[in-house]
Amino acid sequence: MENERWGAAASLVFGLGTDTRLSLNYLYLEQHNVPDYGIPWIPETVTDPRLTKYHNKAAPVSYSNFYGILDRDYEDIVTHIATAILEHDFSANLKLRNVTRAGLTTRDSVTTAPRFAGTGSTLNRQFQSRDQEDGILSNQTNLIAEFDTGALKHTLTTGVEFSWEQSENKARVADAAPQTDLFHPNALDPYTGTIRYNGARQEADVFSAAVYLFDKVELGEHWEINGGLRYDYIDTDYTSVDDHGSSTDLNREDNLLSWRAALVFKPADNGSVYFAYGTSFNPATELLVSSSASSIINQFDTDPEENRSYELGTKWDLLDEKLSFTAALFRTEKSNARTADPADPTAFELSGEQVVQGFEVGFAGTITDNWRIFAGYTYLDSEIEESLNPEEVGKHVSNTPEHSFNLWTVYDLPAGFQIGAGAQFVDSRFNNNINQRLAPSYWVFDAMVGYKVNENVSLRVNFYNLADEEYIDRVGGGHFVPGAGRSVAVSAAIKF
């Protein structure tokens, strides 16, 4: 596989130091890649004696194996993002901020998905194509006001938000690619077939509008209340055209009201304790054209999924406010998860109940003048409590590791040198909600050496995955994508 990208970003600001400021920003990013769908899981249908003990497990092959075809596979992505930010200070206590953003991304890719052709080790190179264009135009206006009502000090934020999104994906078909062997793939196999459009496409146009109001109220030195409401309106038009020219046109409107509230207690100047509660939603149309047409059509008429979140936490600034410590207990409930009837995959209902709860702790800051640390640990306990599919009930939510940990520390040495080291741990997690396939846990260790040449120039060498650990980074239905192996990056920073 290969990733090649280049980009440019520029900002132009008018009115610095005045009450009215205008910032114009533009980002251009271009990518030319050879994509990798990864390594296949071993399905239960395989009877090859070398593979039967690996049913529903990772294939026993090197994670550097590549099952694509260099003669066919590619990925070209171009992104444009333009942003205008207008700010005006009416006074020290009343400020207006407007952000307008326009974005356009085109993606043209052909990828190979390795899939078993039968009961042996022979693989089909399944054709995966995406010729997609996504555009967005959004505008958000915030008014921030600070004022007192008696003994109460308010920070009020109110605003409106509008966005227009358009997405189109054109389908293509291709002649079959040569098969390959699980143990001995050849990326240089010739591809003599053709890739062509078959007339099928998906289009989605989404208009959304929102209005919100949030207030932070300080009650003396030790207490603070936060709360607010947000109303969203989403209007989605979706069109699916099959390869025979038959069109399916759908429209859906969603009206969503969400809210949040929090109580904060500050027992000391350097610490606080809080409890927060909030709601959120996942509309059925949130994926636009990123899923298959049949999947979108089957789910289109379902109401938004509803989420409830609870959090009890604390934050303390230690060592003369140089080191920050945070900790939190949390619980998120999806009260009406979208689930499919296994007897009828086209039947979706909002009858699922999913819960993820746990706690997290973290440190960030400076221990001494020369020693900095960033560390965090998260524990997740997930369960599917109700589902149309009985095989999901009592199982873990997919891709939810029970334990995860990260550490990065840097120490400044004499003569401008700097060293750093870090570790990351991700626990095992399942690839789907029936917990069919398990991605094992893994550790990854990194290191860094830096040198400050002078006030304007610094050099750095980063070492990633020092032990060259083979691990699963992303999980999919029939495959998984390995994490990056051992690598080294050399960089220079110049200030002028």
Protein backbone atom coordinates (compact mmCIF):
# COMPACT_ATOMS: atom_id res chain seq x y z
CA MET A 1 0.00 0.00 0.00
CA GLU A 2 1.05 3.58 -0.41
CA ASN A 3 -0.07 6.98 0.87
CA GLU A 4 1.04 10.12 -0.92
CA ARG A 5 -0.42 13.49 0.00
CA TRP A 6 0.35 17.15 -0.28
CA GLY A 7 -1.56 20.24 0.70
CA ALA A 8 -1.50 23.95 1.30
CA ALA A 9 -3.24 26.15 3.86
CA ALA A 10 -3.39 29.92 4.05
CA SER A 11 -4.99 32.50 6.34
CA LEU A 12 -5.57 36.21 5.86
CA VAL A 13 -6.84 38.27 8.79
CA PHE A 14 -8.15 41.84 8.69
CA GLY A 15 -8.70 44.06 11.72
CA LEU A 16 -6.29 42.50 14.18
CA GLY A 17 -6.49 44.36 17.49
CA THR A 18 -9.79 46.06 16.59
CA ASP A 19 -13.42 45.42 17.56
CA THR A 20 -14.19 43.90 14.14
CA ARG A 21 -12.08 41.11 12.70
CA LEU A 22 -12.38 39.07 9.51
CA SER A 23 -10.42 35.86 8.96
CA LEU A 24 -10.28 34.14 5.56
CA ASN A 25 -8.90 30.60 5.49
CA TYR A 26 -8.39 28.10 2.69
CA LEU A 27 -7.20 24.49 2.78
CA TYR A 28 -6.30 22.31 -0.20
CA LEU A 29 -5.37 18.65 0.23
CA GLU A 30 -4.61 16.16 -2.53
CA GLN A 31 -4.04 12.43 -2.01
CA HIS A 32 -2.87 9.66 -4.34
CA ASN A 33 -2.92 6.29 -2.59
CA VAL A 34 -2.78 2.57 -3.13
CA PRO A 35 -5.51 1.46 -0.68
CA ASP A 36 -5.39 -1.71 1.41
CA TYR A 37 -8.48 -3.62 2.58
CA GLY A 38 -6.30 -5.66 4.91
CA ILE A 39 -6.40 -9.33 5.86
CA PRO A 40 -9.47 -11.63 5.73
CA TRP A 41 -11.05 -13.30 8.72
CA ILE A 42 -11.34 -17.10 8.35
CA PRO A 43 -15.04 -17.96 7.81
CA GLU A 44 -16.59 -21.15 9.21
CA THR A 45 -17.16 -22.46 5.68
CA VAL A 46 -13.42 -23.05 5.15
CA THR A 47 -12.43 -26.72 5.54
CA ASP A 48 -8.72 -26.48 4.68
CA PRO A 49 -7.01 -28.36 7.59
CA ARG A 50 -4.43 -25.56 7.85
CA LEU A 51 -7.21 -23.07 8.62
CA THR A 52 -10.03 -24.84 10.48
CA LYS A 53 -8.64 -23.96 13.92
CA TYR A 54 -8.75 -20.29 12.90
CA HIS A 55 -12.49 -20.11 12.20
CA ASN A 56 -13.69 -16.54 12.91
CA LYS A 57 -10.13 -15.52 13.72
CA ALA A 58 -7.44 -13.60 11.91
CA ALA A 59 -5.82 -15.49 9.04
CA PRO A 60 -2.46 -17.05 10.06
CA VAL A 61 -0.45 -14.98 7.58
CA SER A 62 1.98 -12.11 7.73
CA TYR A 63 0.27 -8.78 8.37
CA SER A 64 2.40 -7.35 5.56
CA ASN A 65 0.50 -9.44 3.01
CA PHE A 66 -1.21 -7.36 0.31
CA TYR A 67 -4.12 -8.90 -1.60
CA GLY A 68 -4.79 -6.05 -4.00
CA ILE A 69 -3.65 -5.61 -7.59
CA LEU A 70 -1.27 -2.77 -8.32
CA ASP A 71 -2.43 -2.87 -11.94
CA ARG A 72 -5.98 -1.95 -10.85
CA ASP A 73 -6.23 -0.48 -7.33
CA TYR A 74 -5.91 3.24 -6.66
CA GLU A 75 -7.40 6.07 -4.60
CA ASP A 76 -7.42 9.77 -5.56
CA ILE A 77 -8.90 12.29 -3.13
CA VAL A 78 -9.08 16.06 -3.49
CA THR A 79 -10.41 18.33 -0.73
CA HIS A 80 -11.17 22.06 -0.75
CA ILE A 81 -12.27 23.87 2.43
CA ALA A 82 -12.82 27.64 2.55
CA THR A 83 -13.76 29.38 5.80
CA ALA A 84 -14.68 32.97 6.66
CA ILE A 85 -14.90 34.04 10.32
CA LEU A 86 -16.37 37.43 11.16
CA GLU A 87 -16.16 38.63 14.78
CA HIS A 88 -17.41 41.85 16.32
CA ASP A 89 -17.11 43.03 19.93
CA PHE A 90 -20.01 45.32 20.77
CA SER A 91 -18.48 45.67 24.22
CA ALA A 92 -16.36 43.69 26.65
CA ASN A 93 -19.50 41.72 27.59
CA LEU A 94 -21.28 41.30 24.23
CA LYS A 95 -19.66 39.56 21.23
CA LEU A 96 -20.89 38.28 17.88
CA ARG A 97 -19.21 35.52 15.87
CA ASN A 98 -20.22 34.25 12.42
CA VAL A 99 -18.55 31.31 10.67
CA THR A 100 -19.23 30.43 7.03
CA ARG A 101 -17.65 27.33 5.54
CA ALA A 102 -17.74 25.73 2.11
CA GLY A 103 -16.21 22.34 1.44
CA LEU A 104 -15.92 20.00 -1.53
CA THR A 105 -14.32 16.54 -1.51
CA THR A 106 -14.04 14.16 -4.45
CA ARG A 107 -12.96 10.56 -4.02
CA ASP A 108 -12.23 8.17 -6.88
CA SER A 109 -11.09 4.75 -5.68
CA VAL A 110 -10.90 1.10 -6.64
CA THR A 111 -10.03 -1.33 -3.85
CA THR A 112 -9.69 -5.09 -3.49
CA ALA A 113 -11.61 -6.84 -0.70
CA PRO A 114 -10.08 -10.30 -0.07
CA ARG A 115 -12.88 -12.89 0.20
CA PHE A 116 -12.64 -16.69 0.26
CA ALA A 117 -13.70 -18.30 -3.01
CA GLY A 118 -14.58 -21.67 -1.49
CA THR A 119 -13.50 -24.04 1.25
CA GLY A 120 -9.76 -23.79 0.57
CA SER A 121 -7.16 -21.03 0.65
CA THR A 122 -8.07 -19.48 -2.71
CA LEU A 123 -9.31 -15.88 -2.52
CA ASN A 124 -11.48 -13.80 -4.79
CA ARG A 125 -10.37 -10.21 -5.24
CA GLN A 126 -13.74 -8.57 -4.76
CA PHE A 127 -14.15 -5.28 -6.62
CA GLN A 128 -14.90 -2.26 -4.40
CA SER A 129 -15.48 1.08 -6.10
CA ARG A 130 -16.33 4.60 -5.03
CA ASP A 131 -16.69 7.63 -7.29
CA GLN A 132 -18.14 10.07 -4.80
CA GLU A 133 -18.48 13.82 -4.45
CA ASP A 134 -19.46 15.49 -1.18
CA GLY A 135 -20.17 19.18 -0.81
CA ILE A 136 -21.23 21.29 2.15
CA LEU A 137 -22.09 24.93 2.79
CA SER A 138 -22.69 25.90 6.40
CA ASN A 139 -23.21 29.06 8.40
CA GLN A 140 -23.21 29.46 12.18
CA THR A 141 -23.84 32.64 14.13
CA ASN A 142 -23.17 32.91 17.88
CA LEU A 143 -24.00 35.77 20.23
CA ILE A 144 -22.15 35.62 23.55
CA ALA A 145 -23.32 37.88 26.37
CA GLU A 146 -22.01 38.26 29.92
CA PHE A 147 -24.27 39.95 32.47
CA ASP A 148 -25.47 39.84 36.08
CA THR A 149 -28.93 39.31 37.53
CA GLY A 150 -28.60 40.12 41.19
CA ALA A 151 -25.96 37.84 42.69
CA LEU A 152 -25.95 35.57 39.63
CA LYS A 153 -23.32 35.96 36.91
CA HIS A 154 -24.40 34.72 33.46
CA THR A 155 -22.50 33.76 30.32
CA LEU A 156 -25.21 33.30 27.70
CA THR A 157 -24.54 31.76 24.28
CA THR A 158 -27.29 31.70 21.69
CA GLY A 159 -27.11 31.03 18.00
CA VAL A 160 -28.47 29.67 14.76
CA GLU A 161 -26.92 27.24 12.33
CA PHE A 162 -27.73 26.34 8.72
CA SER A 163 -26.13 23.76 6.45
CA TRP A 164 -26.66 22.35 2.98
CA GLU A 165 -25.05 19.01 2.16
CA GLN A 166 -24.98 17.20 -1.15
CA SER A 167 -23.52 13.78 -1.81
CA GLU A 168 -23.40 11.63 -4.95
CA ASN A 169 -21.90 8.19 -5.53
CA LYS A 170 -21.72 6.67 -9.03
CA ALA A 171 -21.55 2.88 -9.25
CA ARG A 172 -19.10 0.99 -11.43
CA VAL A 173 -18.64 -2.65 -12.37
CA ALA A 174 -15.53 -4.49 -13.44
CA ASP A 175 -14.46 -7.74 -15.05
CA ALA A 176 -13.30 -10.33 -12.53
CA ALA A 177 -9.74 -10.07 -11.29
CA PRO A 178 -7.42 -13.08 -11.12
CA GLN A 179 -7.77 -15.05 -7.91
CA THR A 180 -4.88 -15.35 -5.47
CA ASP A 181 -3.75 -17.56 -2.61
CA LEU A 182 -4.13 -16.62 1.04
CA PHE A 183 -0.54 -17.56 1.83
CA HIS A 184 1.16 -16.37 -1.38
CA PRO A 185 -0.60 -13.29 -2.84
CA ASN A 186 0.97 -11.57 -5.84
CA ALA A 187 0.30 -7.84 -6.13
CA LEU A 188 1.88 -7.87 -9.62
CA ASP A 189 -0.76 -10.11 -11.18
CA PRO A 190 -1.89 -8.43 -14.42
CA TYR A 191 -5.40 -7.07 -14.70
CA THR A 192 -6.72 -7.21 -18.25
CA GLY A 193 -10.36 -6.42 -17.54
CA THR A 194 -12.21 -3.14 -17.83
CA ILE A 195 -13.90 -0.89 -15.28
CA ARG A 196 -17.04 0.86 -16.44
CA TYR A 197 -20.03 2.79 -15.14
CA ASN A 198 -23.31 0.87 -15.15
CA GLY A 199 -25.66 3.85 -14.72
CA ALA A 200 -26.49 3.18 -11.06
CA ARG A 201 -26.00 6.04 -8.62
CA GLN A 202 -27.06 7.44 -5.26
CA GLU A 203 -27.76 11.07 -4.45
CA ALA A 204 -28.62 12.79 -1.18
CA ASP A 205 -29.44 16.42 -0.49
CA VAL A 206 -29.77 17.50 3.12
CA PHE A 207 -30.85 20.84 4.51
CA SER A 208 -30.54 21.32 8.25
CA ALA A 209 -31.25 24.23 10.56
CA ALA A 210 -30.74 24.59 14.29
CA VAL A 211 -31.32 27.13 17.02
CA TYR A 212 -29.82 26.85 20.49
CA LEU A 213 -29.48 28.61 23.82
CA PHE A 214 -26.98 27.78 26.57
CA ASP A 215 -26.32 29.59 29.83
CA LYS A 216 -23.56 29.29 32.41
CA VAL A 217 -24.65 30.70 35.76
CA GLU A 218 -22.13 31.32 38.55
CA LEU A 219 -23.63 31.24 42.05
CA GLY A 220 -20.93 32.77 44.23
CA GLU A 221 -17.41 31.36 44.36
CA HIS A 222 -18.20 27.66 44.67
CA TRP A 223 -21.21 26.76 42.52
CA GLU A 224 -21.97 26.89 38.81
CA ILE A 225 -24.94 25.71 36.73
CA ASN A 226 -24.77 24.99 33.00
CA GLY A 227 -27.76 24.23 30.85
CA GLY A 228 -29.19 24.61 27.41
CA LEU A 229 -31.52 23.50 24.64
CA ARG A 230 -30.94 22.81 20.94
CA TYR A 231 -33.62 22.29 18.28
CA ASP A 232 -32.64 20.69 14.95
CA TYR A 233 -34.62 20.42 11.73
CA ILE A 234 -33.33 18.04 9.06
CA ASP A 235 -34.84 17.67 5.58
CA THR A 236 -33.36 14.88 3.45
CA ASP A 237 -34.01 14.05 -0.21
CA TYR A 238 -32.56 10.73 -1.36
CA THR A 239 -32.50 9.20 -4.82
CA SER A 240 -31.29 5.76 -5.80
CA VAL A 241 -31.08 4.75 -9.46
CA ASP A 242 -30.34 1.10 -10.27
CA ASP A 243 -28.48 -0.23 -13.29
CA HIS A 244 -31.76 -0.58 -15.23
CA GLY A 245 -32.65 3.09 -14.77
CA SER A 246 -35.36 2.51 -12.17
CA SER A 247 -35.42 5.31 -9.60
CA THR A 248 -36.37 5.30 -5.93
CA ASP A 249 -37.04 8.78 -4.55
CA LEU A 250 -37.44 9.33 -0.80
CA ASN A 251 -37.92 12.33 1.45
CA ARG A 252 -37.75 12.57 5.21
CA GLU A 253 -38.06 15.39 7.73
CA ASP A 254 -36.85 15.09 11.32
CA ASN A 255 -37.45 17.52 14.18
CA LEU A 256 -35.13 16.96 17.11
CA LEU A 257 -34.96 18.61 20.53
CA SER A 258 -31.93 17.87 22.68
CA TRP A 259 -30.78 19.36 25.95
CA ARG A 260 -28.03 19.21 28.53
CA ALA A 261 -27.46 20.38 32.08
CA ALA A 262 -24.59 20.32 34.56
CA LEU A 263 -23.93 21.27 38.16
CA VAL A 264 -20.36 22.26 39.09
CA PHE A 265 -18.96 22.56 42.63
CA LYS A 266 -15.60 24.28 43.16
CA PRO A 267 -14.34 23.43 46.67
CA ALA A 268 -11.01 25.17 45.97
CA ASP A 269 -9.52 27.50 43.40
CA ASN A 270 -7.62 24.66 41.75
CA GLY A 271 -10.36 22.01 41.66
CA SER A 272 -13.94 21.27 40.69
CA VAL A 273 -16.48 18.43 40.80
CA TYR A 274 -19.36 18.21 38.33
CA PHE A 275 -22.38 16.15 37.31
CA ALA A 276 -23.71 16.40 33.75
CA TYR A 277 -26.64 14.96 31.84
CA GLY A 278 -27.43 15.33 28.15
CA THR A 279 -29.38 13.92 25.23
CA SER A 280 -28.50 13.49 21.54
CA PHE A 281 -29.82 11.82 18.38
CA ASN A 282 -28.68 9.76 15.39
CA PRO A 283 -30.94 10.31 12.34
CA ALA A 284 -31.44 7.40 9.95
CA THR A 285 -30.10 9.56 7.12
CA GLU A 286 -26.79 10.45 8.78
CA LEU A 287 -24.68 8.22 6.49
CA LEU A 288 -25.97 9.91 3.27
CA VAL A 289 -24.65 7.71 0.43
CA SER A 290 -21.82 6.00 2.33
CA SER A 291 -23.82 2.77 2.75
CA SER A 292 -25.39 0.49 0.17
CA ALA A 293 -28.61 1.68 -1.46
CA SER A 294 -30.62 -1.21 -0.02
CA SER A 295 -29.36 -0.51 3.51
CA ILE A 296 -30.29 3.18 3.30
CA ILE A 297 -33.72 2.49 1.77
CA ASN A 298 -34.57 -0.13 4.39
CA GLN A 299 -33.71 2.23 7.26
CA PHE A 300 -34.92 5.50 5.75
CA ASP A 301 -38.33 5.60 7.43
CA THR A 302 -37.10 4.86 10.95
CA ASP A 303 -37.07 7.67 13.52
CA PRO A 304 -33.78 8.97 14.94
CA GLU A 305 -32.04 6.90 17.57
CA GLU A 306 -32.03 8.58 20.99
CA ASN A 307 -29.06 8.74 23.36
CA ARG A 308 -28.78 9.71 27.02
CA SER A 309 -25.46 10.49 28.71
CA TYR A 310 -24.59 10.84 32.40
CA GLU A 311 -21.21 11.92 33.75
CA LEU A 312 -19.79 12.53 37.21
CA GLY A 313 -16.29 13.95 37.14
CA THR A 314 -13.61 16.08 38.71
CA LYS A 315 -10.66 18.19 37.60
CA TRP A 316 -7.72 19.43 39.69
CA ASP A 317 -4.72 21.60 38.83
CA LEU A 318 -1.71 20.36 40.81
CA LEU A 319 1.91 21.43 41.33
CA ASP A 320 1.12 25.15 41.19
CA GLU A 321 -1.33 24.52 38.32
CA LYS A 322 1.35 22.95 36.13
CA LEU A 323 -0.21 19.47 36.10
CA SER A 324 -3.88 18.77 35.40
CA PHE A 325 -5.67 15.68 36.77
CA THR A 326 -9.09 14.62 35.49
CA ALA A 327 -11.37 11.71 36.36
CA ALA A 328 -14.92 10.82 35.38
CA LEU A 329 -17.59 8.14 35.74
CA PHE A 330 -19.94 7.98 32.75
CA ARG A 331 -22.87 6.07 31.28
CA THR A 332 -24.35 6.38 27.78
CA GLU A 333 -27.64 4.72 26.89
CA LYS A 334 -29.07 4.25 23.40
CA SER A 335 -32.72 3.73 24.26
CA ASN A 336 -34.03 2.85 20.79
CA ALA A 337 -31.16 1.42 18.79
CA ARG A 338 -31.87 0.60 15.14
CA THR A 339 -31.88 -3.19 14.80
CA ALA A 340 -32.70 -5.62 11.99
CA ASP A 341 -34.74 -8.79 12.15
CA PRO A 342 -32.35 -11.66 11.25
CA ALA A 343 -35.26 -13.44 9.54
CA ASP A 344 -35.93 -10.38 7.36
CA PRO A 345 -32.88 -8.14 6.81
CA THR A 346 -35.11 -5.48 5.21
CA ALA A 347 -37.12 -5.03 8.44
CA PHE A 348 -35.65 -2.44 10.83
CA GLU A 349 -37.11 -1.36 14.15
CA LEU A 350 -36.07 1.05 16.90
CA SER A 351 -36.32 -1.63 19.55
CA GLY A 352 -32.73 -2.04 20.71
CA GLU A 353 -31.25 -1.04 24.05
CA GLN A 354 -27.48 -0.48 24.26
CA VAL A 355 -25.42 0.72 27.22
CA VAL A 356 -21.78 1.77 27.50
CA GLN A 357 -20.52 2.78 30.94
CA GLY A 358 -17.18 3.14 32.64
CA PHE A 359 -14.62 5.60 33.94
CA GLU A 360 -11.53 7.46 32.79
CA VAL A 361 -8.57 9.19 34.42
CA GLY A 362 -5.92 11.41 32.94
CA PHE A 363 -2.83 13.53 33.65
CA ALA A 364 -1.50 16.31 31.45
CA GLY A 365 1.14 18.92 32.13
CA THR A 366 4.54 19.49 33.69
CA ILE A 367 5.97 17.54 36.62
CA THR A 368 9.22 19.53 36.71
CA ASP A 369 10.58 22.34 34.55
CA ASN A 370 12.15 19.72 32.27
CA TRP A 371 9.64 16.84 32.49
CA ARG A 372 6.21 16.75 30.79
CA ILE A 373 3.67 13.93 30.81
CA PHE A 374 0.38 13.08 29.12
CA ALA A 375 -1.38 9.90 30.26
CA GLY A 376 -4.87 8.46 30.28
CA TYR A 377 -6.77 5.28 31.10
CA THR A 378 -10.33 4.37 30.10
CA TYR A 379 -12.51 1.44 31.19
CA LEU A 380 -15.59 0.60 29.09
CA ASP A 381 -18.32 -1.86 30.04
CA SER A 382 -20.76 -2.31 27.15
CA GLU A 383 -23.86 -4.47 26.76
CA ILE A 384 -26.69 -4.92 24.28
CA GLU A 385 -29.70 -5.31 26.56
CA GLU A 386 -32.44 -5.62 23.91
CA SER A 387 -32.43 -6.35 20.17
CA LEU A 388 -34.59 -7.81 17.40
CA ASN A 389 -31.72 -10.25 16.89
CA PRO A 390 -31.64 -12.59 19.93
CA GLU A 391 -28.00 -13.43 19.19
CA GLU A 392 -27.05 -9.85 20.12
CA VAL A 393 -28.73 -9.76 23.55
CA GLY A 394 -26.20 -9.81 26.37
CA LYS A 395 -23.26 -9.24 24.01
CA HIS A 396 -20.74 -6.37 23.94
CA VAL A 397 -21.23 -3.41 21.62
CA SER A 398 -18.95 -3.81 18.59
CA ASN A 399 -15.53 -2.18 18.52
CA THR A 400 -15.64 -1.27 22.22
CA PRO A 401 -12.41 -2.27 24.02
CA GLU A 402 -12.79 -2.83 27.78
CA HIS A 403 -9.44 -1.27 28.69
CA SER A 404 -7.36 1.36 26.88
CA PHE A 405 -4.30 3.26 28.04
CA ASN A 406 -1.94 5.85 26.59
CA LEU A 407 1.24 7.49 27.90
CA TRP A 408 3.60 10.04 26.40
CA THR A 409 6.41 11.71 28.33
CA VAL A 410 9.14 14.13 27.24
CA TYR A 411 12.28 15.18 29.11
CA ASP A 412 14.51 18.15 28.20
CA LEU A 413 18.23 17.40 28.43
CA PRO A 414 21.14 19.85 28.53
CA ALA A 415 22.62 21.36 25.35
CA GLY A 416 19.23 21.52 23.59
CA PHE A 417 18.57 17.78 23.42
CA GLN A 418 15.20 16.21 24.18
CA ILE A 419 14.01 12.61 24.59
CA GLY A 420 10.54 11.16 24.73
CA ALA A 421 8.84 7.80 25.10
CA GLY A 422 5.29 6.53 25.05
CA ALA A 423 3.03 3.51 25.09
CA GLN A 424 -0.48 2.73 23.92
CA PHE A 425 -2.64 -0.23 24.93
CA VAL A 426 -5.95 -1.20 23.32
CA ASP A 427 -7.89 -4.16 24.70
CA SER A 428 -9.58 -6.83 22.61
CA ARG A 429 -12.82 -5.87 20.85
CA PHE A 430 -15.38 -7.55 18.62
CA ASN A 431 -16.11 -6.81 14.96
CA ASN A 432 -19.91 -6.93 15.28
CA ASN A 433 -22.75 -6.97 17.80
CA ILE A 434 -23.06 -10.75 17.84
CA ASN A 435 -19.41 -10.87 18.99
CA GLN A 436 -18.45 -13.26 16.24
CA ARG A 437 -14.84 -12.24 15.66
CA LEU A 438 -12.39 -10.92 18.23
CA ALA A 439 -9.52 -8.54 17.54
CA PRO A 440 -6.82 -9.29 20.17
CA SER A 441 -5.43 -6.66 22.53
CA TYR A 442 -2.10 -5.02 21.75
CA TRP A 443 0.66 -2.73 23.05
CA VAL A 444 2.55 -0.24 20.89
CA PHE A 445 5.69 1.62 22.06
CA ASP A 446 7.08 4.84 20.57
CA ALA A 447 10.13 7.03 21.20
CA MET A 448 11.54 10.40 20.16
CA VAL A 449 14.85 12.26 20.08
CA GLY A 450 14.94 16.01 19.47
CA TYR A 451 17.55 18.71 19.18
CA LYS A 452 17.09 22.47 19.30
CA VAL A 453 19.66 23.97 16.94
CA ASN A 454 18.80 27.56 17.89
CA GLU A 455 15.77 29.71 18.69
CA ASN A 456 14.43 29.28 15.17
CA VAL A 457 15.35 25.74 14.12
CA SER A 458 14.64 22.40 15.81
CA LEU A 459 15.08 18.81 14.61
CA ARG A 460 13.21 15.67 15.67
CA VAL A 461 13.33 11.94 14.99
CA ASN A 462 10.26 9.88 15.94
CA PHE A 463 10.28 6.09 16.22
CA TYR A 464 6.86 4.42 15.98
CA ASN A 465 5.94 0.86 16.97
CA LEU A 466 9.45 0.05 18.17
CA ALA A 467 8.72 -3.65 18.68
CA ASP A 468 7.17 -3.95 15.19
CA GLU A 469 4.01 -5.33 16.84
CA GLU A 470 1.52 -6.97 14.49
CA TYR A 471 -1.90 -5.74 15.60
CA ILE A 472 -5.39 -5.11 14.29
CA ASP A 473 -6.10 -1.42 13.92
CA ARG A 474 -9.56 -1.44 12.27
CA VAL A 475 -12.13 -4.23 12.14
CA GLY A 476 -14.56 -4.94 9.31
CA GLY A 477 -17.10 -7.61 8.48
CA GLY A 478 -15.02 -9.92 6.29
CA HIS A 479 -11.62 -8.38 6.87
CA PHE A 480 -9.49 -6.30 9.20
CA VAL A 481 -6.82 -3.66 8.60
CA PRO A 482 -3.47 -4.15 10.38
CA GLY A 483 -1.81 -1.27 12.18
CA ALA A 484 1.33 0.35 10.86
CA GLY A 485 4.57 -1.52 11.46
CA ARG A 486 7.84 -0.07 12.73
CA SER A 487 8.55 3.31 11.14
CA VAL A 488 10.78 6.35 11.55
CA ALA A 489 9.96 10.00 10.78
CA VAL A 490 12.52 12.81 10.60
CA SER A 491 11.21 16.38 10.78
CA ALA A 492 12.47 19.92 11.02
CA ALA A 493 10.61 22.97 12.36
CA ILE A 494 11.60 26.46 11.29
CA LYS A 495 10.22 29.65 12.86
CA PHE A 496 10.75 33.06 11.29
